[in-house]
Amino acid sequence: MHKTHLLIRYLFAFFAFSTLLSPADAPVPAEIENEQMLGINKQPYHATLMPYGGRAEALAANRYASSWCRSLNGFWKFNWVSRPEQRPVDFYRPSFDVSSWKEIPVPSNWQVLGYGTPYYRNAGYTIRRDWPRVMSEPPQDYTAYGERNPVGSYRREFEVPDNWNGRRIFITFDGVDSAFFLWINGEQVGFSVNSRNAADFDITSHVKPGKNMIAAEVYRYSAGTYLEDQDMWRLSGIFRNVTLWSAPQVHIRDFFVRTDLDLQYRDATLLVSAKVHNYGNQSSRERKLTVDLASRDGRTVPGASATVDVPALGAGEEKSVSVSIPVSNPAKWTAET
């Protein structure tokens, strides 16, 4: 046989052999094994809240029915691999074709839908104990020997309403097990660990009016796994609500409510503190914060209202204000009411 033909056959055989021995070798992100890394670009934690379109919406107290809220629950395009090295690293790019991917409902756990293995353990880890690492090779009888650290890649499109223009836009993941990276329109937004607490991201600079694309890369194991080991089924994925919401550039970022009864347990003092944050790039004017206590029928309780001045805020500045309201003989909490 001619030497050229031999060389071609050799190169083809070598390429085929190397392809079999070298599957996708995407690097494992350092963040998932860094116990100091609890998140990137996450908003500070705060009380559960939602801006509302008016008093009636606020009194109804249904966050997901707010005029400034859109749910991103539903079916997302989904890809699952058993090891991070095999994941499609460029899937977050708008040009990446996911049309052949299957879909998965959000919220859900991917194991109960046929992706990977659900397993239960009481005491002990389901990975090799090598803190804070989660990619170390465990014994061969561990499920994690083959499913070393499964990764779920999620994608979907969403719409931003036109009347949200000029406002601040946030996204909240109520629960993702156990760590995830987030992209909007191909731009990396952030990273989160802590699967049982909400993760908020400010995505104002990443979205545009109309159609947008969101991508999330979820890891089954992370350094946070060492803190979340407990008596439970070990399941993964975006397992709680995903919510898009909008707020004014200057708004109440956090609040705290305390109700102190007097020594006779008859009258009370309503104490409300609020952290007002300026998310804009310009200083804000002075404002006023008014707190009303409403009765069951939605009317303000007579005398149970107070107003406090909110000073001018520089760009990115936050101030705390508080009010104290005396309440005469309020309805008391009981186990039945």
C-alpha atoms as a PDB file:
ATOM      1  CA  MET A   1       0.000   0.000   0.000  1.00  0.00           C
ATOM      2  CA  HIS A   2       1.191   3.512  -0.748  1.00  0.00           C
ATOM      3  CA  LYS A   3       2.786   5.323   2.204  1.00  0.00           C
ATOM      4  CA  THR A   4       0.318   8.204   1.836  1.00  0.00           C
ATOM      5  CA  HIS A   5      -2.633   5.813   2.184  1.00  0.00           C
ATOM      6  CA  LEU A   6      -1.037   4.241   5.252  1.00  0.00           C
ATOM      7  CA  LEU A   7      -0.557   7.684   6.811  1.00  0.00           C
ATOM      8  CA  ILE A   8      -4.181   8.648   6.149  1.00  0.00           C
ATOM      9  CA  ARG A   9      -5.449   5.374   7.636  1.00  0.00           C
ATOM     10  CA  TYR A  10      -3.206   5.847  10.666  1.00  0.00           C
ATOM     11  CA  LEU A  11      -4.395   9.387  11.254  1.00  0.00           C
ATOM     12  CA  PHE A  12      -8.039   8.337  10.921  1.00  0.00           C
ATOM     13  CA  ALA A  13      -7.535   5.446  13.349  1.00  0.00           C
ATOM     14  CA  PHE A  14      -5.737   7.712  15.806  1.00  0.00           C
ATOM     15  CA  PHE A  15      -8.493  10.331  15.618  1.00  0.00           C
ATOM     16  CA  ALA A  16     -11.202   7.724  16.189  1.00  0.00           C
ATOM     17  CA  PHE A  17      -9.272   6.173  19.092  1.00  0.00           C
ATOM     18  CA  SER A  18      -8.579   9.522  20.753  1.00  0.00           C
ATOM     19  CA  THR A  19     -12.236  10.520  20.372  1.00  0.00           C
ATOM     20  CA  LEU A  20     -13.312   7.371  22.196  1.00  0.00           C
ATOM     21  CA  LEU A  21     -10.829   7.904  25.002  1.00  0.00           C
ATOM     22  CA  SER A  22     -11.309  11.674  25.297  1.00  0.00           C
ATOM     23  CA  PRO A  23     -14.941  12.676  25.646  1.00  0.00           C
ATOM     24  CA  ALA A  24     -15.787  16.309  26.228  1.00  0.00           C
ATOM     25  CA  ASP A  25     -13.279  17.584  28.740  1.00  0.00           C
ATOM     26  CA  ALA A  26     -14.870  20.838  29.834  1.00  0.00           C
ATOM     27  CA  PRO A  27     -13.063  22.196  32.902  1.00  0.00           C
ATOM     28  CA  VAL A  28     -14.844  21.812  36.225  1.00  0.00           C
ATOM     29  CA  PRO A  29     -15.679  25.300  37.595  1.00  0.00           C
ATOM     30  CA  ALA A  30     -13.584  26.131  40.653  1.00  0.00           C
ATOM     31  CA  GLU A  31     -16.571  27.769  42.342  1.00  0.00           C
ATOM     32  CA  ILE A  32     -18.343  24.497  43.086  1.00  0.00           C
ATOM     33  CA  GLU A  33     -15.490  23.271  45.311  1.00  0.00           C
ATOM     34  CA  ASN A  34     -14.777  26.623  46.993  1.00  0.00           C
ATOM     35  CA  GLU A  35     -16.299  26.707  50.480  1.00  0.00           C
ATOM     36  CA  GLN A  36     -15.692  30.481  50.634  1.00  0.00           C
ATOM     37  CA  MET A  37     -17.835  31.109  47.562  1.00  0.00           C
ATOM     38  CA  LEU A  38     -21.505  31.429  48.503  1.00  0.00           C
ATOM     39  CA  GLY A  39     -22.485  33.405  45.436  1.00  0.00           C
ATOM     40  CA  ILE A  40     -21.502  35.904  42.767  1.00  0.00           C
ATOM     41  CA  ASN A  41     -23.628  39.018  42.121  1.00  0.00           C
ATOM     42  CA  LYS A  42     -26.429  37.787  44.382  1.00  0.00           C
ATOM     43  CA  GLN A  43     -28.553  40.413  46.072  1.00  0.00           C
ATOM     44  CA  PRO A  44     -28.301  40.608  49.882  1.00  0.00           C
ATOM     45  CA  TYR A  45     -30.842  38.459  51.678  1.00  0.00           C
ATOM     46  CA  HIS A  46     -34.086  40.142  52.689  1.00  0.00           C
ATOM     47  CA  ALA A  47     -37.596  39.487  53.927  1.00  0.00           C
ATOM     48  CA  THR A  48     -40.005  37.931  51.460  1.00  0.00           C
ATOM     49  CA  LEU A  49     -41.430  40.839  49.491  1.00  0.00           C
ATOM     50  CA  MET A  50     -42.990  41.971  46.209  1.00  0.00           C
ATOM     51  CA  PRO A  51     -43.800  45.402  44.762  1.00  0.00           C
ATOM     52  CA  TYR A  52     -47.510  45.761  43.972  1.00  0.00           C
ATOM     53  CA  GLY A  53     -49.461  47.825  41.472  1.00  0.00           C
ATOM     54  CA  GLY A  54     -51.711  49.308  44.155  1.00  0.00           C
ATOM     55  CA  ARG A  55     -53.196  48.973  47.598  1.00  0.00           C
ATOM     56  CA  ALA A  56     -55.764  46.360  46.571  1.00  0.00           C
ATOM     57  CA  GLU A  57     -53.045  44.100  45.167  1.00  0.00           C
ATOM     58  CA  ALA A  58     -50.935  44.504  48.296  1.00  0.00           C
ATOM     59  CA  LEU A  59     -53.813  43.665  50.626  1.00  0.00           C
ATOM     60  CA  ALA A  60     -54.606  40.548  48.592  1.00  0.00           C
ATOM     61  CA  ALA A  61     -51.052  39.442  49.505  1.00  0.00           C
ATOM     62  CA  ASN A  62     -50.621  37.187  46.461  1.00  0.00           C
ATOM     63  CA  ARG A  63     -47.071  37.941  45.297  1.00  0.00           C
ATOM     64  CA  TYR A  64     -47.444  36.014  42.052  1.00  0.00           C
ATOM     65  CA  ALA A  65     -50.544  38.012  41.055  1.00  0.00           C
ATOM     66  CA  SER A  66     -48.731  41.350  41.304  1.00  0.00           C
ATOM     67  CA  SER A  67     -48.753  43.587  38.224  1.00  0.00           C
ATOM     68  CA  TRP A  68     -44.959  43.697  38.511  1.00  0.00           C
ATOM     69  CA  CYS A  69     -44.443  39.928  38.591  1.00  0.00           C
ATOM     70  CA  ARG A  70     -44.095  37.246  35.922  1.00  0.00           C
ATOM     71  CA  SER A  71     -43.623  33.550  36.663  1.00  0.00           C
ATOM     72  CA  LEU A  72     -40.943  31.664  34.751  1.00  0.00           C
ATOM     73  CA  ASN A  73     -42.312  28.316  35.872  1.00  0.00           C
ATOM     74  CA  GLY A  74     -43.171  25.955  33.064  1.00  0.00           C
ATOM     75  CA  PHE A  75     -41.260  23.876  30.552  1.00  0.00           C
ATOM     76  CA  TRP A  76     -37.565  24.612  29.961  1.00  0.00           C
ATOM     77  CA  LYS A  77     -35.234  22.983  27.428  1.00  0.00           C
ATOM     78  CA  PHE A  78     -33.042  20.531  29.348  1.00  0.00           C
ATOM     79  CA  ASN A  79     -29.843  18.511  28.977  1.00  0.00           C
ATOM     80  CA  TRP A  80     -28.405  16.133  31.600  1.00  0.00           C
ATOM     81  CA  VAL A  81     -24.902  14.660  31.886  1.00  0.00           C
ATOM     82  CA  SER A  82     -23.404  12.480  34.598  1.00  0.00           C
ATOM     83  CA  ARG A  83     -20.155  14.454  34.937  1.00  0.00           C
ATOM     84  CA  PRO A  84     -19.284  18.155  34.577  1.00  0.00           C
ATOM     85  CA  GLU A  85     -16.624  17.379  31.954  1.00  0.00           C
ATOM     86  CA  GLN A  86     -19.377  16.219  29.582  1.00  0.00           C
ATOM     87  CA  ARG A  87     -21.622  19.272  29.823  1.00  0.00           C
ATOM     88  CA  PRO A  88     -22.310  21.522  26.790  1.00  0.00           C
ATOM     89  CA  VAL A  89     -20.246  24.490  27.917  1.00  0.00           C
ATOM     90  CA  ASP A  90     -21.573  26.934  25.283  1.00  0.00           C
ATOM     91  CA  PHE A  91     -25.266  26.158  25.718  1.00  0.00           C
ATOM     92  CA  TYR A  92     -25.924  29.614  27.193  1.00  0.00           C
ATOM     93  CA  ARG A  93     -25.051  31.338  23.919  1.00  0.00           C
ATOM     94  CA  PRO A  94     -28.133  32.421  21.923  1.00  0.00           C
ATOM     95  CA  SER A  95     -26.550  30.869  18.822  1.00  0.00           C
ATOM     96  CA  PHE A  96     -26.372  27.420  20.474  1.00  0.00           C
ATOM     97  CA  ASP A  97     -29.096  25.184  19.035  1.00  0.00           C
ATOM     98  CA  VAL A  98     -31.162  23.439  21.732  1.00  0.00           C
ATOM     99  CA  SER A  99     -34.088  22.546  19.476  1.00  0.00           C
ATOM    100  CA  SER A 100     -33.325  18.819  19.806  1.00  0.00           C
ATOM    101  CA  TRP A 101     -33.218  18.940  23.612  1.00  0.00           C
ATOM    102  CA  LYS A 102     -36.062  17.503  25.635  1.00  0.00           C
ATOM    103  CA  GLU A 103     -38.076  19.659  28.022  1.00  0.00           C
ATOM    104  CA  ILE A 104     -38.408  19.489  31.781  1.00  0.00           C
ATOM    105  CA  PRO A 105     -40.976  21.188  34.016  1.00  0.00           C
ATOM    106  CA  VAL A 106     -39.773  23.861  36.417  1.00  0.00           C
ATOM    107  CA  PRO A 107     -40.082  23.436  39.340  1.00  0.00           C
ATOM    108  CA  SER A 108     -39.121  19.749  39.575  1.00  0.00           C
ATOM    109  CA  ASN A 109     -36.370  17.345  40.603  1.00  0.00           C
ATOM    110  CA  TRP A 110     -34.683  15.792  37.601  1.00  0.00           C
ATOM    111  CA  GLN A 111     -34.118  12.346  39.192  1.00  0.00           C
ATOM    112  CA  VAL A 112     -37.845  11.633  39.525  1.00  0.00           C
ATOM    113  CA  LEU A 113     -38.243  12.426  35.817  1.00  0.00           C
ATOM    114  CA  GLY A 114     -35.717   9.846  34.674  1.00  0.00           C
ATOM    115  CA  TYR A 115     -32.429  11.764  34.763  1.00  0.00           C
ATOM    116  CA  GLY A 116     -29.858  10.104  36.998  1.00  0.00           C
ATOM    117  CA  THR A 117     -30.435   8.232  40.224  1.00  0.00           C
ATOM    118  CA  PRO A 118     -32.567   9.302  43.192  1.00  0.00           C
ATOM    119  CA  TYR A 119     -31.234   7.862  46.411  1.00  0.00           C
ATOM    120  CA  TYR A 120     -31.900   8.130  50.091  1.00  0.00           C
ATOM    121  CA  ARG A 121     -29.418   8.294  52.907  1.00  0.00           C
ATOM    122  CA  ASN A 122     -29.764   9.135  56.567  1.00  0.00           C
ATOM    123  CA  ALA A 123     -26.322   9.731  58.065  1.00  0.00           C
ATOM    124  CA  GLY A 124     -23.280  10.111  55.867  1.00  0.00           C
ATOM    125  CA  TYR A 125     -22.423  11.585  52.491  1.00  0.00           C
ATOM    126  CA  THR A 126     -23.236  10.203  49.070  1.00  0.00           C
ATOM    127  CA  ILE A 127     -19.869  11.401  47.746  1.00  0.00           C
ATOM    128  CA  ARG A 128     -16.337  10.720  48.897  1.00  0.00           C
ATOM    129  CA  ARG A 129     -15.743  12.734  52.061  1.00  0.00           C
ATOM    130  CA  ASP A 130     -12.965  15.082  50.982  1.00  0.00           C
ATOM    131  CA  TRP A 131     -14.069  18.544  52.101  1.00  0.00           C
ATOM    132  CA  PRO A 132     -14.544  20.909  50.338  1.00  0.00           C
ATOM    133  CA  ARG A 133     -13.997  18.859  47.188  1.00  0.00           C
ATOM    134  CA  VAL A 134     -16.890  16.973  45.595  1.00  0.00           C
ATOM    135  CA  MET A 135     -15.171  15.521  42.501  1.00  0.00           C
ATOM    136  CA  SER A 136     -12.825  13.130  44.323  1.00  0.00           C
ATOM    137  CA  GLU A 137     -13.164   9.487  43.286  1.00  0.00           C
ATOM    138  CA  PRO A 138     -15.358   7.506  45.721  1.00  0.00           C
ATOM    139  CA  PRO A 139     -15.496   3.706  46.138  1.00  0.00           C
ATOM    140  CA  GLN A 140     -16.788   1.901  43.059  1.00  0.00           C
ATOM    141  CA  ASP A 141     -20.006   0.836  44.798  1.00  0.00           C
ATOM    142  CA  TYR A 142     -21.028   4.495  45.209  1.00  0.00           C
ATOM    143  CA  THR A 143     -23.546   5.829  42.677  1.00  0.00           C
ATOM    144  CA  ALA A 144     -21.317   8.896  42.536  1.00  0.00           C
ATOM    145  CA  TYR A 145     -18.522   6.753  41.114  1.00  0.00           C
ATOM    146  CA  GLY A 146     -20.226   6.899  37.717  1.00  0.00           C
ATOM    147  CA  GLU A 147     -22.515   9.871  38.316  1.00  0.00           C
ATOM    148  CA  ARG A 148     -19.645  11.891  39.723  1.00  0.00           C
ATOM    149  CA  ASN A 149     -21.438  15.239  39.745  1.00  0.00           C
ATOM    150  CA  PRO A 150     -24.401  15.402  37.343  1.00  0.00           C
ATOM    151  CA  VAL A 151     -25.091  18.725  35.624  1.00  0.00           C
ATOM    152  CA  GLY A 152     -28.441  19.910  34.308  1.00  0.00           C
ATOM    153  CA  SER A 153     -28.429  22.624  31.632  1.00  0.00           C
ATOM    154  CA  TYR A 154     -31.670  24.614  31.466  1.00  0.00           C
ATOM    155  CA  ARG A 155     -32.804  27.130  28.837  1.00  0.00           C
ATOM    156  CA  ARG A 156     -35.952  29.036  27.926  1.00  0.00           C
ATOM    157  CA  GLU A 157     -37.150  32.326  26.489  1.00  0.00           C
ATOM    158  CA  PHE A 158     -39.182  34.956  28.311  1.00  0.00           C
ATOM    159  CA  GLU A 159     -40.781  38.326  27.632  1.00  0.00           C
ATOM    160  CA  VAL A 160     -40.133  41.615  29.445  1.00  0.00           C
ATOM    161  CA  PRO A 161     -43.251  43.831  29.396  1.00  0.00           C
ATOM    162  CA  ASP A 162     -42.854  47.232  27.747  1.00  0.00           C
ATOM    163  CA  ASN A 163     -44.093  49.072  30.840  1.00  0.00           C
ATOM    164  CA  TRP A 164     -41.132  47.722  32.839  1.00  0.00           C
ATOM    165  CA  ASN A 165     -38.778  49.995  30.898  1.00  0.00           C
ATOM    166  CA  GLY A 166     -36.907  52.320  33.265  1.00  0.00           C
ATOM    167  CA  ARG A 167     -37.570  50.131  36.299  1.00  0.00           C
ATOM    168  CA  ARG A 168     -35.284  47.693  38.061  1.00  0.00           C
ATOM    169  CA  ILE A 169     -35.697  44.062  37.013  1.00  0.00           C
ATOM    170  CA  PHE A 170     -34.867  41.124  39.271  1.00  0.00           C
ATOM    171  CA  ILE A 171     -35.092  37.366  39.054  1.00  0.00           C
ATOM    172  CA  THR A 172     -35.588  35.093  42.066  1.00  0.00           C
ATOM    173  CA  PHE A 173     -34.828  31.376  42.257  1.00  0.00           C
ATOM    174  CA  ASP A 174     -36.592  30.096  45.385  1.00  0.00           C
ATOM    175  CA  GLY A 175     -34.656  26.825  45.464  1.00  0.00           C
ATOM    176  CA  VAL A 176     -31.979  25.180  43.313  1.00  0.00           C
ATOM    177  CA  ASP A 177     -30.089  22.079  44.477  1.00  0.00           C
ATOM    178  CA  SER A 178     -27.262  22.486  44.941  1.00  0.00           C
ATOM    179  CA  ALA A 179     -25.424  25.212  43.006  1.00  0.00           C
ATOM    180  CA  PHE A 180     -25.962  27.010  39.704  1.00  0.00           C
ATOM    181  CA  PHE A 181     -24.604  29.544  37.246  1.00  0.00           C
ATOM    182  CA  LEU A 182     -26.946  32.005  35.523  1.00  0.00           C
ATOM    183  CA  TRP A 183     -26.826  33.708  32.111  1.00  0.00           C
ATOM    184  CA  ILE A 184     -29.199  36.169  30.435  1.00  0.00           C
ATOM    185  CA  ASN A 185     -28.974  36.671  26.666  1.00  0.00           C
ATOM    186  CA  GLY A 186     -25.563  35.007  26.633  1.00  0.00           C
ATOM    187  CA  GLU A 187     -24.122  37.217  29.393  1.00  0.00           C
ATOM    188  CA  GLN A 188     -23.085  35.659  32.687  1.00  0.00           C
ATOM    189  CA  VAL A 189     -25.069  37.125  35.568  1.00  0.00           C
ATOM    190  CA  GLY A 190     -23.901  35.203  38.618  1.00  0.00           C
ATOM    191  CA  PHE A 191     -23.561  32.069  40.698  1.00  0.00           C
ATOM    192  CA  SER A 192     -25.339  30.722  43.770  1.00  0.00           C
ATOM    193  CA  VAL A 193     -24.877  28.094  46.470  1.00  0.00           C
ATOM    194  CA  ASN A 194     -27.419  27.493  49.278  1.00  0.00           C
ATOM    195  CA  SER A 195     -30.202  25.404  47.856  1.00  0.00           C
ATOM    196  CA  ARG A 196     -32.904  26.068  50.478  1.00  0.00           C
ATOM    197  CA  ASN A 197     -32.809  29.872  50.388  1.00  0.00           C
ATOM    198  CA  ALA A 198     -33.907  32.204  47.618  1.00  0.00           C
ATOM    199  CA  ALA A 199     -31.265  33.624  45.271  1.00  0.00           C
ATOM    200  CA  ASP A 200     -32.005  37.095  43.858  1.00  0.00           C
ATOM    201  CA  PHE A 201     -30.160  38.657  40.920  1.00  0.00           C
ATOM    202  CA  ASP A 202     -30.445  42.144  39.454  1.00  0.00           C
ATOM    203  CA  ILE A 203     -30.657  41.532  35.695  1.00  0.00           C
ATOM    204  CA  THR A 204     -31.585  45.072  34.615  1.00  0.00           C
ATOM    205  CA  SER A 205     -28.459  45.584  32.529  1.00  0.00           C
ATOM    206  CA  HIS A 206     -28.819  42.186  30.816  1.00  0.00           C
ATOM    207  CA  VAL A 207     -32.410  42.279  29.560  1.00  0.00           C
ATOM    208  CA  LYS A 208     -34.135  44.153  26.774  1.00  0.00           C
ATOM    209  CA  PRO A 209     -37.802  44.861  25.991  1.00  0.00           C
ATOM    210  CA  GLY A 210     -39.514  41.909  24.365  1.00  0.00           C
ATOM    211  CA  LYS A 211     -37.960  38.473  23.963  1.00  0.00           C
ATOM    212  CA  ASN A 212     -35.005  37.381  26.110  1.00  0.00           C
ATOM    213  CA  MET A 213     -33.179  34.099  26.791  1.00  0.00           C
ATOM    214  CA  ILE A 214     -32.247  32.658  30.181  1.00  0.00           C
ATOM    215  CA  ALA A 215     -29.850  29.781  30.866  1.00  0.00           C
ATOM    216  CA  ALA A 216     -29.010  28.024  34.137  1.00  0.00           C
ATOM    217  CA  GLU A 217     -26.328  25.385  34.723  1.00  0.00           C
ATOM    218  CA  VAL A 218     -27.151  23.324  37.827  1.00  0.00           C
ATOM    219  CA  TYR A 219     -24.689  21.060  39.695  1.00  0.00           C
ATOM    220  CA  ARG A 220     -25.822  18.207  41.907  1.00  0.00           C
ATOM    221  CA  TYR A 221     -22.873  18.593  44.280  1.00  0.00           C
ATOM    222  CA  SER A 222     -20.996  21.628  45.537  1.00  0.00           C
ATOM    223  CA  ALA A 223     -19.059  22.636  48.638  1.00  0.00           C
ATOM    224  CA  GLY A 224     -22.465  23.540  50.072  1.00  0.00           C
ATOM    225  CA  THR A 225     -23.388  19.846  49.969  1.00  0.00           C
ATOM    226  CA  TYR A 226     -21.303  19.332  53.102  1.00  0.00           C
ATOM    227  CA  LEU A 227     -23.640  21.656  55.026  1.00  0.00           C
ATOM    228  CA  GLU A 228     -26.856  20.322  53.511  1.00  0.00           C
ATOM    229  CA  ASP A 229     -26.328  16.626  54.243  1.00  0.00           C
ATOM    230  CA  GLN A 230     -29.312  15.329  56.203  1.00  0.00           C
ATOM    231  CA  ASP A 231     -31.903  12.573  56.521  1.00  0.00           C
ATOM    232  CA  MET A 232     -33.701  12.989  53.196  1.00  0.00           C
ATOM    233  CA  TRP A 233     -34.011  11.873  49.598  1.00  0.00           C
ATOM    234  CA  ARG A 234     -31.089  13.357  47.673  1.00  0.00           C
ATOM    235  CA  LEU A 235     -32.648  15.132  44.686  1.00  0.00           C
ATOM    236  CA  SER A 236     -31.475  17.910  42.365  1.00  0.00           C
ATOM    237  CA  GLY A 237     -32.604  20.620  39.995  1.00  0.00           C
ATOM    238  CA  ILE A 238     -34.640  23.823  39.994  1.00  0.00           C
ATOM    239  CA  PHE A 239     -37.177  22.531  42.506  1.00  0.00           C
ATOM    240  CA  ARG A 240     -38.927  25.762  43.541  1.00  0.00           C
ATOM    241  CA  ASN A 241     -40.441  28.772  41.774  1.00  0.00           C
ATOM    242  CA  VAL A 242     -38.531  31.028  39.382  1.00  0.00           C
ATOM    243  CA  THR A 243     -39.937  34.560  39.378  1.00  0.00           C
ATOM    244  CA  LEU A 244     -39.242  37.670  37.314  1.00  0.00           C
ATOM    245  CA  TRP A 245     -40.237  40.918  39.011  1.00  0.00           C
ATOM    246  CA  SER A 246     -39.833  44.657  38.681  1.00  0.00           C
ATOM    247  CA  ALA A 247     -39.421  47.505  41.164  1.00  0.00           C
ATOM    248  CA  PRO A 248     -38.834  51.280  41.060  1.00  0.00           C
ATOM    249  CA  GLN A 249     -35.206  52.408  40.962  1.00  0.00           C
ATOM    250  CA  VAL A 250     -35.669  53.553  44.581  1.00  0.00           C
ATOM    251  CA  HIS A 251     -37.585  51.032  46.634  1.00  0.00           C
ATOM    252  CA  ILE A 252     -37.832  49.160  49.937  1.00  0.00           C
ATOM    253  CA  ARG A 253     -35.204  46.430  49.638  1.00  0.00           C
ATOM    254  CA  ASP A 254     -35.851  44.883  53.039  1.00  0.00           C
ATOM    255  CA  PHE A 255     -38.114  45.375  56.034  1.00  0.00           C
ATOM    256  CA  PHE A 256     -38.786  44.044  59.507  1.00  0.00           C
ATOM    257  CA  VAL A 257     -42.042  44.092  61.490  1.00  0.00           C
ATOM    258  CA  ARG A 258     -42.281  43.590  65.243  1.00  0.00           C
ATOM    259  CA  THR A 259     -45.457  43.625  67.363  1.00  0.00           C
ATOM    260  CA  ASP A 260     -44.867  44.195  71.075  1.00  0.00           C
ATOM    261  CA  LEU A 261     -47.744  43.731  73.520  1.00  0.00           C
ATOM    262  CA  ASP A 262     -47.882  45.562  76.836  1.00  0.00           C
ATOM    263  CA  LEU A 263     -47.592  43.726  80.149  1.00  0.00           C
ATOM    264  CA  GLN A 264     -51.363  43.191  80.251  1.00  0.00           C
ATOM    265  CA  TYR A 265     -51.333  41.728  76.719  1.00  0.00           C
ATOM    266  CA  ARG A 266     -53.991  44.207  75.665  1.00  0.00           C
ATOM    267  CA  ASP A 267     -52.505  47.102  73.705  1.00  0.00           C
ATOM    268  CA  ALA A 268     -49.515  46.921  71.399  1.00  0.00           C
ATOM    269  CA  THR A 269     -46.841  48.845  69.580  1.00  0.00           C
ATOM    270  CA  LEU A 270     -46.251  48.165  65.889  1.00  0.00           C
ATOM    271  CA  LEU A 271     -42.578  48.676  65.020  1.00  0.00           C
ATOM    272  CA  VAL A 272     -41.653  48.730  61.324  1.00  0.00           C
ATOM    273  CA  SER A 273     -38.145  49.278  59.971  1.00  0.00           C
ATOM    274  CA  ALA A 274     -37.318  49.475  56.271  1.00  0.00           C
ATOM    275  CA  LYS A 275     -34.135  49.609  54.218  1.00  0.00           C
ATOM    276  CA  VAL A 276     -34.648  51.938  51.258  1.00  0.00           C
ATOM    277  CA  HIS A 277     -32.160  51.441  48.425  1.00  0.00           C
ATOM    278  CA  ASN A 278     -31.349  53.616  45.419  1.00  0.00           C
ATOM    279  CA  TYR A 279     -30.513  51.278  42.537  1.00  0.00           C
ATOM    280  CA  GLY A 280     -30.207  54.138  40.055  1.00  0.00           C
ATOM    281  CA  ASN A 281     -27.016  55.781  38.811  1.00  0.00           C
ATOM    282  CA  GLN A 282     -28.130  59.237  39.989  1.00  0.00           C
ATOM    283  CA  SER A 283     -28.948  60.702  43.386  1.00  0.00           C
ATOM    284  CA  SER A 284     -32.590  60.471  44.426  1.00  0.00           C
ATOM    285  CA  ARG A 285     -34.740  63.176  45.979  1.00  0.00           C
ATOM    286  CA  GLU A 286     -36.066  63.077  49.528  1.00  0.00           C
ATOM    287  CA  ARG A 287     -39.134  60.896  49.959  1.00  0.00           C
ATOM    288  CA  LYS A 288     -41.619  59.805  52.589  1.00  0.00           C
ATOM    289  CA  LEU A 289     -42.451  56.306  53.744  1.00  0.00           C
ATOM    290  CA  THR A 290     -45.978  55.750  55.058  1.00  0.00           C
ATOM    291  CA  VAL A 291     -47.007  52.664  57.020  1.00  0.00           C
ATOM    292  CA  ASP A 292     -50.681  51.778  57.495  1.00  0.00           C
ATOM    293  CA  LEU A 293     -52.157  48.957  59.539  1.00  0.00           C
ATOM    294  CA  ALA A 294     -55.169  47.496  57.730  1.00  0.00           C
ATOM    295  CA  SER A 295     -58.131  45.647  59.195  1.00  0.00           C
ATOM    296  CA  ARG A 296     -59.457  42.408  57.762  1.00  0.00           C
ATOM    297  CA  ASP A 297     -61.765  44.333  55.413  1.00  0.00           C
ATOM    298  CA  GLY A 298     -58.821  46.311  53.999  1.00  0.00           C
ATOM    299  CA  ARG A 299     -59.484  49.644  55.716  1.00  0.00           C
ATOM    300  CA  THR A 300     -56.781  51.511  57.626  1.00  0.00           C
ATOM    301  CA  VAL A 301     -57.216  51.050  61.358  1.00  0.00           C
ATOM    302  CA  PRO A 302     -58.041  54.500  62.843  1.00  0.00           C
ATOM    303  CA  GLY A 303     -54.892  56.075  64.280  1.00  0.00           C
ATOM    304  CA  ALA A 304     -52.685  53.197  63.124  1.00  0.00           C
ATOM    305  CA  SER A 305     -50.671  55.073  60.521  1.00  0.00           C
ATOM    306  CA  ALA A 306     -47.317  56.830  60.529  1.00  0.00           C
ATOM    307  CA  THR A 307     -45.004  58.589  58.086  1.00  0.00           C
ATOM    308  CA  VAL A 308     -41.233  58.988  58.204  1.00  0.00           C
ATOM    309  CA  ASP A 309     -38.854  61.016  56.050  1.00  0.00           C
ATOM    310  CA  VAL A 310     -36.495  59.146  53.761  1.00  0.00           C
ATOM    311  CA  PRO A 311     -33.400  61.270  53.037  1.00  0.00           C
ATOM    312  CA  ALA A 312     -31.959  61.840  49.595  1.00  0.00           C
ATOM    313  CA  LEU A 313     -29.885  58.852  48.518  1.00  0.00           C
ATOM    314  CA  GLY A 314     -26.759  58.812  46.406  1.00  0.00           C
ATOM    315  CA  ALA A 315     -26.417  56.328  43.564  1.00  0.00           C
ATOM    316  CA  GLY A 316     -26.274  52.844  45.096  1.00  0.00           C
ATOM    317  CA  GLU A 317     -26.875  54.186  48.611  1.00  0.00           C
ATOM    318  CA  GLU A 318     -29.164  52.604  51.204  1.00  0.00           C
ATOM    319  CA  LYS A 319     -30.674  54.047  54.378  1.00  0.00           C
ATOM    320  CA  SER A 320     -32.729  52.496  57.163  1.00  0.00           C
ATOM    321  CA  VAL A 321     -35.821  54.247  58.546  1.00  0.00           C
ATOM    322  CA  SER A 322     -38.366  53.139  61.116  1.00  0.00           C
ATOM    323  CA  VAL A 323     -41.764  54.019  62.559  1.00  0.00           C
ATOM    324  CA  SER A 324     -43.549  53.183  65.801  1.00  0.00           C
ATOM    325  CA  ILE A 325     -47.352  52.989  65.853  1.00  0.00           C
ATOM    326  CA  PRO A 326     -49.496  52.453  68.972  1.00  0.00           C
ATOM    327  CA  VAL A 327     -52.367  50.022  68.369  1.00  0.00           C
ATOM    328  CA  SER A 328     -55.277  49.815  70.773  1.00  0.00           C
ATOM    329  CA  ASN A 329     -56.403  46.274  71.621  1.00  0.00           C
ATOM    330  CA  PRO A 330     -55.478  44.535  68.356  1.00  0.00           C
ATOM    331  CA  ALA A 331     -56.770  41.095  67.442  1.00  0.00           C
ATOM    332  CA  LYS A 332     -54.414  38.616  69.089  1.00  0.00           C
ATOM    333  CA  TRP A 333     -52.785  35.633  67.448  1.00  0.00           C
ATOM    334  CA  THR A 334     -54.156  32.234  68.379  1.00  0.00           C
ATOM    335  CA  ALA A 335     -53.547  28.753  67.022  1.00  0.00           C
ATOM    336  CA  GLU A 336     -56.980  28.913  65.372  1.00  0.00           C
ATOM    337  CA  THR A 337     -56.878  32.470  63.951  1.00  0.00           C
END
